[in-house]
All heavy atoms as atom14 arrays in JSON, in Angstrom:
{
  "sequence": "VYTIQEFEAKMREIKEIDETAYEWLMKEEPRTWARCMYSGRAKCNRM",
  "atom14_mask": [
    [1, 1, 1, 1, 1, 1, 1, 0, 0, 0, 0, 0, 0, 0],
    [1, 1, 1, 1, 1, 1, 1, 1, 1, 1, 1, 1, 0, 0],
    [1, 1, 1, 1, 1, 1, 1, 0, 0, 0, 0, 0, 0, 0],
    [1, 1, 1, 1, 1, 1, 1, 1, 0, 0, 0, 0, 0, 0],
    [1, 1, 1, 1, 1, 1, 1, 1, 1, 0, 0, 0, 0, 0],
    [1, 1, 1, 1, 1, 1, 1, 1, 1, 0, 0, 0, 0, 0],
    [1, 1, 1, 1, 1, 1, 1, 1, 1, 1, 1, 0, 0, 0],
    [1, 1, 1, 1, 1, 1, 1, 1, 1, 0, 0, 0, 0, 0],
    [1, 1, 1, 1, 1, 0, 0, 0, 0, 0, 0, 0, 0, 0],
    [1, 1, 1, 1, 1, 1, 1, 1, 1, 0, 0, 0, 0, 0],
    [1, 1, 1, 1, 1, 1, 1, 1, 0, 0, 0, 0, 0, 0],
    [1, 1, 1, 1, 1, 1, 1, 1, 1, 1, 1, 0, 0, 0],
    [1, 1, 1, 1, 1, 1, 1, 1, 1, 0, 0, 0, 0, 0],
    [1, 1, 1, 1, 1, 1, 1, 1, 0, 0, 0, 0, 0, 0],
    [1, 1, 1, 1, 1, 1, 1, 1, 1, 0, 0, 0, 0, 0],
    [1, 1, 1, 1, 1, 1, 1, 1, 1, 0, 0, 0, 0, 0],
    [1, 1, 1, 1, 1, 1, 1, 1, 0, 0, 0, 0, 0, 0],
    [1, 1, 1, 1, 1, 1, 1, 1, 0, 0, 0, 0, 0, 0],
    [1, 1, 1, 1, 1, 1, 1, 1, 1, 0, 0, 0, 0, 0],
    [1, 1, 1, 1, 1, 1, 1, 0, 0, 0, 0, 0, 0, 0],
    [1, 1, 1, 1, 1, 0, 0, 0, 0, 0, 0, 0, 0, 0],
    [1, 1, 1, 1, 1, 1, 1, 1, 1, 1, 1, 1, 0, 0],
    [1, 1, 1, 1, 1, 1, 1, 1, 1, 0, 0, 0, 0, 0],
    [1, 1, 1, 1, 1, 1, 1, 1, 1, 1, 1, 1, 1, 1],
    [1, 1, 1, 1, 1, 1, 1, 1, 0, 0, 0, 0, 0, 0],
    [1, 1, 1, 1, 1, 1, 1, 1, 0, 0, 0, 0, 0, 0],
    [1, 1, 1, 1, 1, 1, 1, 1, 1, 0, 0, 0, 0, 0],
    [1, 1, 1, 1, 1, 1, 1, 1, 1, 0, 0, 0, 0, 0],
    [1, 1, 1, 1, 1, 1, 1, 1, 1, 0, 0, 0, 0, 0],
    [1, 1, 1, 1, 1, 1, 1, 0, 0, 0, 0, 0, 0, 0],
    [1, 1, 1, 1, 1, 1, 1, 1, 1, 1, 1, 0, 0, 0],
    [1, 1, 1, 1, 1, 1, 1, 0, 0, 0, 0, 0, 0, 0],
    [1, 1, 1, 1, 1, 1, 1, 1, 1, 1, 1, 1, 1, 1],
    [1, 1, 1, 1, 1, 0, 0, 0, 0, 0, 0, 0, 0, 0],
    [1, 1, 1, 1, 1, 1, 1, 1, 1, 1, 1, 0, 0, 0],
    [1, 1, 1, 1, 1, 1, 0, 0, 0, 0, 0, 0, 0, 0],
    [1, 1, 1, 1, 1, 1, 1, 1, 0, 0, 0, 0, 0, 0],
    [1, 1, 1, 1, 1, 1, 1, 1, 1, 1, 1, 1, 0, 0],
    [1, 1, 1, 1, 1, 1, 0, 0, 0, 0, 0, 0, 0, 0],
    [1, 1, 1, 1, 0, 0, 0, 0, 0, 0, 0, 0, 0, 0],
    [1, 1, 1, 1, 1, 1, 1, 1, 1, 1, 1, 0, 0, 0],
    [1, 1, 1, 1, 1, 0, 0, 0, 0, 0, 0, 0, 0, 0],
    [1, 1, 1, 1, 1, 1, 1, 1, 1, 0, 0, 0, 0, 0],
    [1, 1, 1, 1, 1, 1, 0, 0, 0, 0, 0, 0, 0, 0],
    [1, 1, 1, 1, 1, 1, 1, 1, 0, 0, 0, 0, 0, 0],
    [1, 1, 1, 1, 1, 1, 1, 1, 1, 1, 1, 0, 0, 0],
    [1, 1, 1, 1, 1, 1, 1, 1, 0, 0, 0, 0, 0, 0]
  ],
  "atom14_positions": [
    [[106.56, 97.75, 88.76], [106.7, 96.81, 89.9], [105.57, 95.78, 89.85], [104.52, 95.97, 89.23], [106.6, 97.59, 91.25], [107.8, 98.5, 91.38], [105.26, 98.4, 91.32], [0.0, 0.0, 0.0], [0.0, 0.0, 0.0], [0.0, 0.0, 0.0], [0.0, 0.0, 0.0], [0.0, 0.0, 0.0], [0.0, 0.0, 0.0], [0.0, 0.0, 0.0]],
    [[105.83, 94.64, 90.5], [104.95, 93.48, 90.41], [104.02, 93.34, 91.61], [103.08, 92.52, 91.6], [105.76, 92.17, 90.26], [106.33, 91.97, 88.86], [107.63, 92.35, 88.58], [105.56, 91.43, 87.85], [108.15, 92.13, 87.3], [106.08, 91.2, 86.58], [107.41, 91.62, 86.34], [107.9, 91.41, 85.09], [0.0, 0.0, 0.0], [0.0, 0.0, 0.0]],
    [[104.24, 94.06, 92.68], [103.39, 93.91, 93.89], [102.61, 95.19, 94.11], [103.09, 96.31, 93.81], [104.26, 93.6, 95.12], [105.11, 94.7, 95.42], [105.06, 92.33, 94.91], [0.0, 0.0, 0.0], [0.0, 0.0, 0.0], [0.0, 0.0, 0.0], [0.0, 0.0, 0.0], [0.0, 0.0, 0.0], [0.0, 0.0, 0.0], [0.0, 0.0, 0.0]],
    [[101.42, 95.04, 94.72], [100.56, 96.15, 94.96], [101.19, 97.06, 96.03], [101.06, 98.3, 95.99], [99.17, 95.71, 95.45], [98.49, 94.91, 94.33], [98.31, 96.86, 95.89], [97.13, 94.36, 94.7], [0.0, 0.0, 0.0], [0.0, 0.0, 0.0], [0.0, 0.0, 0.0], [0.0, 0.0, 0.0], [0.0, 0.0, 0.0], [0.0, 0.0, 0.0]],
    [[101.93, 96.48, 96.97], [102.55, 97.29, 98.06], [103.58, 98.22, 97.49], [103.68, 99.38, 97.83], [103.19, 96.34, 99.09], [102.19, 95.53, 99.91], [101.64, 94.32, 99.16], [102.11, 93.98, 98.1], [100.6, 93.67, 99.74], [0.0, 0.0, 0.0], [0.0, 0.0, 0.0], [0.0, 0.0, 0.0], [0.0, 0.0, 0.0], [0.0, 0.0, 0.0]],
    [[104.41, 97.71, 96.56], [105.45, 98.59, 95.94], [104.78, 99.66, 95.07], [105.19, 100.8, 95.01], [106.35, 97.71, 95.07], [107.27, 96.79, 95.84], [108.08, 95.88, 94.96], [107.49, 95.17, 94.13], [109.31, 95.89, 95.06], [0.0, 0.0, 0.0], [0.0, 0.0, 0.0], [0.0, 0.0, 0.0], [0.0, 0.0, 0.0], [0.0, 0.0, 0.0]],
    [[103.68, 99.31, 94.36], [102.96, 100.25, 93.56], [102.39, 101.38, 94.41], [102.54, 102.58, 94.1], [101.87, 99.57, 92.8], [100.88, 100.5, 92.08], [101.27, 101.1, 90.88], [99.64, 100.74, 92.6], [100.41, 101.95, 90.24], [98.76, 101.6, 91.95], [99.14, 102.19, 90.79], [0.0, 0.0, 0.0], [0.0, 0.0, 0.0], [0.0, 0.0, 0.0]],
    [[101.77, 101.02, 95.51], [101.2, 102.02, 96.4], [102.29, 102.9, 97.0], [102.06, 104.13, 97.19], [100.4, 101.36, 97.5], [99.11, 100.65, 97.03], [98.43, 99.93, 98.1], [99.0, 99.68, 99.2], [97.2, 99.56, 97.89], [0.0, 0.0, 0.0], [0.0, 0.0, 0.0], [0.0, 0.0, 0.0], [0.0, 0.0, 0.0], [0.0, 0.0, 0.0]],
    [[103.43, 102.36, 97.34], [104.54, 103.18, 97.87], [105.01, 104.19, 96.84], [105.27, 105.35, 97.2], [105.69, 102.25, 98.29], [0.0, 0.0, 0.0], [0.0, 0.0, 0.0], [0.0, 0.0, 0.0], [0.0, 0.0, 0.0], [0.0, 0.0, 0.0], [0.0, 0.0, 0.0], [0.0, 0.0, 0.0], [0.0, 0.0, 0.0], [0.0, 0.0, 0.0]],
    [[105.14, 103.81, 95.57], [105.56, 104.74, 94.53], [104.53, 105.81, 94.27], [104.83, 106.96, 94.08], [105.85, 103.97, 93.24], [107.1, 103.13, 93.24], [108.33, 104.0, 93.47], [109.6, 103.2, 93.56], [110.83, 104.05, 93.84], [0.0, 0.0, 0.0], [0.0, 0.0, 0.0], [0.0, 0.0, 0.0], [0.0, 0.0, 0.0], [0.0, 0.0, 0.0]],
    [[103.25, 105.41, 94.33], [102.19, 106.4, 94.13], [102.09, 107.37, 95.28], [101.82, 108.57, 95.07], [100.84, 105.7, 93.94], [100.75, 104.85, 92.68], [101.15, 105.74, 91.18], [99.77, 106.92, 91.12], [0.0, 0.0, 0.0], [0.0, 0.0, 0.0], [0.0, 0.0, 0.0], [0.0, 0.0, 0.0], [0.0, 0.0, 0.0], [0.0, 0.0, 0.0]],
    [[102.4, 106.91, 96.49], [102.42, 107.87, 97.64], [103.56, 108.86, 97.45], [103.45, 110.04, 97.79], [102.61, 107.11, 98.94], [101.34, 106.46, 99.44], [101.5, 106.02, 100.89], [102.54, 105.07, 101.06], [102.42, 103.73, 101.05], [101.22, 103.24, 100.79], [103.47, 102.95, 101.24], [0.0, 0.0, 0.0], [0.0, 0.0, 0.0], [0.0, 0.0, 0.0]],
    [[104.71, 108.36, 96.91], [105.84, 109.24, 96.69], [105.49, 110.32, 95.63], [105.89, 111.51, 95.78], [107.05, 108.41, 96.21], [108.34, 109.18, 96.14], [109.51, 108.29, 95.78], [109.35, 107.03, 95.86], [110.59, 108.85, 95.41], [0.0, 0.0, 0.0], [0.0, 0.0, 0.0], [0.0, 0.0, 0.0], [0.0, 0.0, 0.0], [0.0, 0.0, 0.0]],
    [[104.78, 109.93, 94.58], [104.33, 110.9, 93.56], [103.34, 111.87, 94.18], [103.4, 113.09, 93.89], [103.71, 110.13, 92.4], [104.77, 109.34, 91.65], [102.98, 111.13, 91.45], [104.19, 108.44, 90.56], [0.0, 0.0, 0.0], [0.0, 0.0, 0.0], [0.0, 0.0, 0.0], [0.0, 0.0, 0.0], [0.0, 0.0, 0.0], [0.0, 0.0, 0.0]],
    [[102.44, 111.41, 95.03], [101.45, 112.28, 95.63], [102.08, 113.33, 96.55], [101.6, 114.46, 96.64], [100.43, 111.43, 96.39], [99.24, 112.19, 96.94], [98.22, 111.27, 97.53], [96.97, 112.02, 97.98], [95.96, 111.11, 98.59], [0.0, 0.0, 0.0], [0.0, 0.0, 0.0], [0.0, 0.0, 0.0], [0.0, 0.0, 0.0], [0.0, 0.0, 0.0]],
    [[103.16, 112.9, 97.27], [103.8, 113.85, 98.15], [104.52, 114.96, 97.36], [104.58, 116.09, 97.85], [104.85, 113.12, 99.01], [104.23, 112.16, 100.02], [105.23, 111.36, 100.77], [106.42, 111.48, 100.45], [104.87, 110.57, 101.68], [0.0, 0.0, 0.0], [0.0, 0.0, 0.0], [0.0, 0.0, 0.0], [0.0, 0.0, 0.0], [0.0, 0.0, 0.0]],
    [[105.01, 114.63, 96.16], [105.66, 115.7, 95.37], [104.63, 116.57, 94.69], [104.79, 117.84, 94.73], [106.54, 115.01, 94.26], [107.64, 114.21, 95.0], [107.17, 116.05, 93.36], [108.49, 113.38, 94.02], [0.0, 0.0, 0.0], [0.0, 0.0, 0.0], [0.0, 0.0, 0.0], [0.0, 0.0, 0.0], [0.0, 0.0, 0.0], [0.0, 0.0, 0.0]],
    [[103.63, 116.04, 94.07], [102.61, 116.81, 93.38], [101.33, 116.0, 93.3], [101.25, 114.96, 92.64], [103.04, 117.17, 91.96], [102.16, 118.21, 91.32], [100.99, 118.28, 91.67], [102.63, 118.96, 90.42], [0.0, 0.0, 0.0], [0.0, 0.0, 0.0], [0.0, 0.0, 0.0], [0.0, 0.0, 0.0], [0.0, 0.0, 0.0], [0.0, 0.0, 0.0]],
    [[100.29, 116.45, 94.02], [99.05, 115.71, 94.1], [98.32, 115.66, 92.77], [97.61, 114.7, 92.45], [98.15, 116.28, 95.17], [96.92, 115.44, 95.46], [96.16, 115.87, 96.7], [96.73, 116.72, 97.44], [95.07, 115.36, 96.95], [0.0, 0.0, 0.0], [0.0, 0.0, 0.0], [0.0, 0.0, 0.0], [0.0, 0.0, 0.0], [0.0, 0.0, 0.0]],
    [[98.49, 116.7, 91.94], [97.82, 116.69, 90.63], [98.39, 115.62, 89.73], [97.7, 115.06, 88.91], [97.99, 118.08, 89.96], [99.38, 118.4, 89.8], [97.29, 119.15, 90.8], [0.0, 0.0, 0.0], [0.0, 0.0, 0.0], [0.0, 0.0, 0.0], [0.0, 0.0, 0.0], [0.0, 0.0, 0.0], [0.0, 0.0, 0.0], [0.0, 0.0, 0.0]],
    [[99.69, 115.35, 89.83], [100.31, 114.27, 89.04], [99.76, 112.92, 89.44], [99.46, 112.04, 88.63], [101.86, 114.3, 89.19], [0.0, 0.0, 0.0], [0.0, 0.0, 0.0], [0.0, 0.0, 0.0], [0.0, 0.0, 0.0], [0.0, 0.0, 0.0], [0.0, 0.0, 0.0], [0.0, 0.0, 0.0], [0.0, 0.0, 0.0], [0.0, 0.0, 0.0]],
    [[99.58, 112.77, 90.77], [98.94, 111.53, 91.26], [97.54, 111.34, 90.74], [97.16, 110.27, 90.29], [98.95, 111.57, 92.78], [98.14, 110.49, 93.48], [98.73, 109.25, 93.71], [96.82, 110.73, 93.88], [97.98, 108.24, 94.34], [96.09, 109.72, 94.5], [96.67, 108.49, 94.72], [95.94, 107.48, 95.34], [0.0, 0.0, 0.0], [0.0, 0.0, 0.0]],
    [[96.77, 112.47, 90.76], [95.4, 112.38, 90.25], [95.34, 112.11, 88.73], [94.47, 111.42, 88.25], [94.67, 113.71, 90.58], [94.48, 113.89, 92.08], [93.87, 115.26, 92.4], [93.78, 116.1, 91.43], [93.56, 115.52, 93.56], [0.0, 0.0, 0.0], [0.0, 0.0, 0.0], [0.0, 0.0, 0.0], [0.0, 0.0, 0.0], [0.0, 0.0, 0.0]],
    [[96.33, 112.69, 88.01], [96.38, 112.44, 86.58], [96.57, 110.94, 86.24], [95.94, 110.38, 85.33], [97.55, 113.26, 85.95], [97.53, 113.3, 84.43], [97.04, 114.29, 83.66], [98.03, 112.3, 83.51], [97.2, 113.97, 82.34], [97.82, 112.76, 82.21], [98.63, 111.05, 83.68], [98.17, 112.04, 81.1], [99.02, 110.32, 82.61], [98.8, 110.79, 81.3]],
    [[97.43, 110.31, 87.06], [97.71, 108.86, 86.81], [96.56, 108.0, 87.28], [96.2, 107.02, 86.62], [98.97, 108.45, 87.53], [100.32, 109.03, 87.01], [101.45, 108.71, 87.9], [100.55, 108.51, 85.58], [0.0, 0.0, 0.0], [0.0, 0.0, 0.0], [0.0, 0.0, 0.0], [0.0, 0.0, 0.0], [0.0, 0.0, 0.0], [0.0, 0.0, 0.0]],
    [[95.96, 108.36, 88.4], [94.87, 107.51, 88.96], [93.56, 107.67, 88.23], [92.64, 106.9, 88.48], [94.74, 107.82, 90.47], [95.93, 107.44, 91.28], [96.36, 105.66, 91.14], [94.95, 104.91, 91.96], [0.0, 0.0, 0.0], [0.0, 0.0, 0.0], [0.0, 0.0, 0.0], [0.0, 0.0, 0.0], [0.0, 0.0, 0.0], [0.0, 0.0, 0.0]],
    [[93.43, 108.71, 87.43], [92.15, 108.81, 86.67], [91.97, 107.7, 85.67], [90.88, 107.38, 85.25], [92.08, 110.18, 86.02], [92.97, 110.36, 84.82], [92.82, 111.74, 84.16], [93.75, 111.91, 82.96], [93.65, 113.25, 82.35], [0.0, 0.0, 0.0], [0.0, 0.0, 0.0], [0.0, 0.0, 0.0], [0.0, 0.0, 0.0], [0.0, 0.0, 0.0]],
    [[93.09, 107.11, 85.23], [93.06, 105.91, 84.43], [93.17, 104.67, 85.37], [93.93, 104.72, 86.31], [94.25, 105.9, 83.48], [94.31, 107.07, 82.51], [93.23, 107.09, 81.47], [92.5, 106.1, 81.39], [93.12, 108.08, 80.76], [0.0, 0.0, 0.0], [0.0, 0.0, 0.0], [0.0, 0.0, 0.0], [0.0, 0.0, 0.0], [0.0, 0.0, 0.0]],
    [[92.32, 103.73, 85.13], [92.31, 102.54, 86.03], [93.68, 101.87, 86.08], [94.23, 101.57, 84.98], [91.3, 101.54, 85.56], [89.83, 102.08, 85.66], [88.86, 100.96, 85.38], [89.15, 99.81, 85.57], [87.74, 101.31, 84.89], [0.0, 0.0, 0.0], [0.0, 0.0, 0.0], [0.0, 0.0, 0.0], [0.0, 0.0, 0.0], [0.0, 0.0, 0.0]],
    [[94.27, 101.71, 87.28], [95.62, 101.08, 87.32], [95.71, 99.74, 86.67], [96.8, 99.35, 86.23], [95.87, 101.04, 88.82], [95.05, 102.12, 89.39], [93.81, 102.16, 88.55], [0.0, 0.0, 0.0], [0.0, 0.0, 0.0], [0.0, 0.0, 0.0], [0.0, 0.0, 0.0], [0.0, 0.0, 0.0], [0.0, 0.0, 0.0], [0.0, 0.0, 0.0]],
    [[94.58, 99.0, 86.59], [94.66, 97.66, 85.98], [95.01, 97.74, 84.51], [95.35, 96.72, 83.91], [93.36, 96.92, 86.22], [92.15, 97.56, 85.53], [90.9, 96.82, 85.77], [89.73, 97.43, 85.12], [89.4, 97.25, 83.87], [90.1, 96.47, 83.1], [88.35, 97.86, 83.35], [0.0, 0.0, 0.0], [0.0, 0.0, 0.0], [0.0, 0.0, 0.0]],
    [[94.88, 98.89, 83.89], [95.15, 99.03, 82.47], [96.61, 99.43, 82.21], [97.09, 99.29, 81.05], [94.25, 100.09, 81.82], [94.48, 101.37, 82.44], [92.78, 99.66, 81.93], [0.0, 0.0, 0.0], [0.0, 0.0, 0.0], [0.0, 0.0, 0.0], [0.0, 0.0, 0.0], [0.0, 0.0, 0.0], [0.0, 0.0, 0.0], [0.0, 0.0, 0.0]],
    [[97.35, 99.85, 83.2], [98.72, 100.27, 82.94], [99.72, 99.86, 84.04], [100.93, 99.91, 83.8], [98.81, 101.8, 82.81], [98.29, 102.63, 84.02], [97.05, 103.0, 84.28], [99.12, 103.1, 85.07], [96.99, 103.65, 85.47], [98.23, 103.77, 85.96], [100.49, 103.05, 85.35], [98.69, 104.41, 87.12], [100.92, 103.65, 86.53], [100.05, 104.34, 87.39]],
    [[99.29, 99.45, 85.2], [100.18, 99.02, 86.25], [100.39, 97.53, 86.21], [99.41, 96.77, 86.22], [99.61, 99.43, 87.61], [0.0, 0.0, 0.0], [0.0, 0.0, 0.0], [0.0, 0.0, 0.0], [0.0, 0.0, 0.0], [0.0, 0.0, 0.0], [0.0, 0.0, 0.0], [0.0, 0.0, 0.0], [0.0, 0.0, 0.0], [0.0, 0.0, 0.0]],
    [[101.63, 97.1, 86.14], [101.94, 95.69, 85.96], [101.44, 94.83, 87.13], [101.1, 93.67, 86.96], [103.47, 95.52, 85.78], [103.9, 94.1, 85.45], [105.4, 94.09, 85.32], [105.9, 94.46, 83.98], [107.14, 94.68, 83.67], [108.08, 94.62, 84.61], [107.48, 94.99, 82.46], [0.0, 0.0, 0.0], [0.0, 0.0, 0.0], [0.0, 0.0, 0.0]],
    [[101.43, 95.41, 88.32], [100.99, 94.65, 89.48], [99.49, 94.29, 89.42], [99.05, 93.41, 90.13], [101.3, 95.39, 90.77], [100.37, 96.94, 90.96], [0.0, 0.0, 0.0], [0.0, 0.0, 0.0], [0.0, 0.0, 0.0], [0.0, 0.0, 0.0], [0.0, 0.0, 0.0], [0.0, 0.0, 0.0], [0.0, 0.0, 0.0], [0.0, 0.0, 0.0]],
    [[98.76, 95.04, 88.58], [97.31, 94.8, 88.46], [96.98, 93.87, 87.26], [95.84, 93.53, 87.08], [96.62, 96.16, 88.22], [96.81, 97.12, 89.3], [95.99, 96.72, 90.85], [96.35, 98.11, 91.86], [0.0, 0.0, 0.0], [0.0, 0.0, 0.0], [0.0, 0.0, 0.0], [0.0, 0.0, 0.0], [0.0, 0.0, 0.0], [0.0, 0.0, 0.0]],
    [[98.02, 93.44, 86.5], [97.73, 92.54, 85.38], [97.18, 91.2, 85.89], [97.64, 90.72, 86.94], [99.01, 92.28, 84.59], [99.54, 93.42, 83.81], [100.74, 93.35, 83.09], [98.81, 94.64, 83.68], [101.24, 94.45, 82.33], [99.29, 95.69, 82.95], [100.52, 95.58, 82.29], [101.02, 96.64, 81.53], [0.0, 0.0, 0.0], [0.0, 0.0, 0.0]],
    [[96.27, 90.64, 85.17], [95.77, 89.34, 85.56], [96.83, 88.29, 85.11], [97.63, 88.5, 84.21], [94.44, 89.05, 84.82], [94.64, 88.82, 83.44], [0.0, 0.0, 0.0], [0.0, 0.0, 0.0], [0.0, 0.0, 0.0], [0.0, 0.0, 0.0], [0.0, 0.0, 0.0], [0.0, 0.0, 0.0], [0.0, 0.0, 0.0], [0.0, 0.0, 0.0]],
    [[96.76, 87.14, 85.77], [97.75, 86.08, 85.44], [97.31, 85.28, 84.23], [97.99, 84.28, 83.91], [0.0, 0.0, 0.0], [0.0, 0.0, 0.0], [0.0, 0.0, 0.0], [0.0, 0.0, 0.0], [0.0, 0.0, 0.0], [0.0, 0.0, 0.0], [0.0, 0.0, 0.0], [0.0, 0.0, 0.0], [0.0, 0.0, 0.0], [0.0, 0.0, 0.0]],
    [[96.21, 85.62, 83.61], [95.68, 84.77, 82.52], [96.51, 84.95, 81.23], [96.71, 83.97, 80.5], [94.23, 85.12, 82.24], [93.57, 84.28, 81.2], [92.11, 84.65, 81.0], [92.0, 86.05, 80.54], [90.85, 86.62, 80.23], [89.74, 85.95, 80.38], [90.85, 87.87, 79.8], [0.0, 0.0, 0.0], [0.0, 0.0, 0.0], [0.0, 0.0, 0.0]],
    [[96.97, 86.12, 80.96], [97.64, 86.44, 79.67], [99.05, 85.83, 79.65], [99.59, 85.6, 78.62], [97.66, 87.9, 79.4], [0.0, 0.0, 0.0], [0.0, 0.0, 0.0], [0.0, 0.0, 0.0], [0.0, 0.0, 0.0], [0.0, 0.0, 0.0], [0.0, 0.0, 0.0], [0.0, 0.0, 0.0], [0.0, 0.0, 0.0], [0.0, 0.0, 0.0]],
    [[99.7, 85.71, 80.84], [101.09, 85.27, 80.95], [101.99, 86.07, 80.1], [102.85, 85.63, 79.33], [101.2, 83.78, 80.52], [100.35, 82.83, 81.33], [100.61, 82.95, 82.82], [99.72, 82.03, 83.64], [99.81, 82.32, 85.08], [0.0, 0.0, 0.0], [0.0, 0.0, 0.0], [0.0, 0.0, 0.0], [0.0, 0.0, 0.0], [0.0, 0.0, 0.0]],
    [[101.87, 87.4, 80.24], [102.63, 88.36, 79.43], [102.82, 89.62, 80.31], [101.86, 90.19, 80.84], [101.93, 88.72, 78.13], [102.77, 89.99, 77.16], [0.0, 0.0, 0.0], [0.0, 0.0, 0.0], [0.0, 0.0, 0.0], [0.0, 0.0, 0.0], [0.0, 0.0, 0.0], [0.0, 0.0, 0.0], [0.0, 0.0, 0.0], [0.0, 0.0, 0.0]],
    [[104.08, 90.06, 80.43], [104.36, 91.26, 81.23], [104.73, 92.46, 80.37], [105.24, 93.44, 80.88], [105.5, 91.0, 82.19], [106.81, 90.69, 81.5], [106.84, 90.43, 80.28], [107.92, 90.76, 82.22], [0.0, 0.0, 0.0], [0.0, 0.0, 0.0], [0.0, 0.0, 0.0], [0.0, 0.0, 0.0], [0.0, 0.0, 0.0], [0.0, 0.0, 0.0]],
    [[104.41, 92.38, 79.07], [104.72, 93.49, 78.16], [103.91, 94.7, 78.56], [102.71, 94.63, 78.85], [104.43, 93.12, 76.72], [105.33, 92.0, 76.18], [106.75, 92.42, 76.09], [106.96, 93.52, 75.17], [107.19, 93.39, 73.87], [107.29, 92.16, 73.35], [107.36, 94.43, 73.11], [0.0, 0.0, 0.0], [0.0, 0.0, 0.0], [0.0, 0.0, 0.0]],
    [[104.55, 95.88, 78.47], [103.92, 97.11, 78.85], [103.78, 98.09, 77.67], [103.34, 99.2, 77.81], [104.72, 97.84, 79.96], [104.86, 96.97, 81.21], [105.98, 97.72, 82.44], [105.15, 99.29, 82.75], [0.0, 0.0, 0.0], [0.0, 0.0, 0.0], [0.0, 0.0, 0.0], [0.0, 0.0, 0.0], [0.0, 0.0, 0.0], [0.0, 0.0, 0.0]]
  ]
}
């Protein structure tokens, strides 16, 4: 997803199912893997 609001909604859904899965994902900085955190400098949405 491209917006922080949609990202947070999906992460809350993951946390409700299994909090350890949420913690596993969040231990890596979201800016390195979440598209909504990409800077606009690269002009590339490749994941």
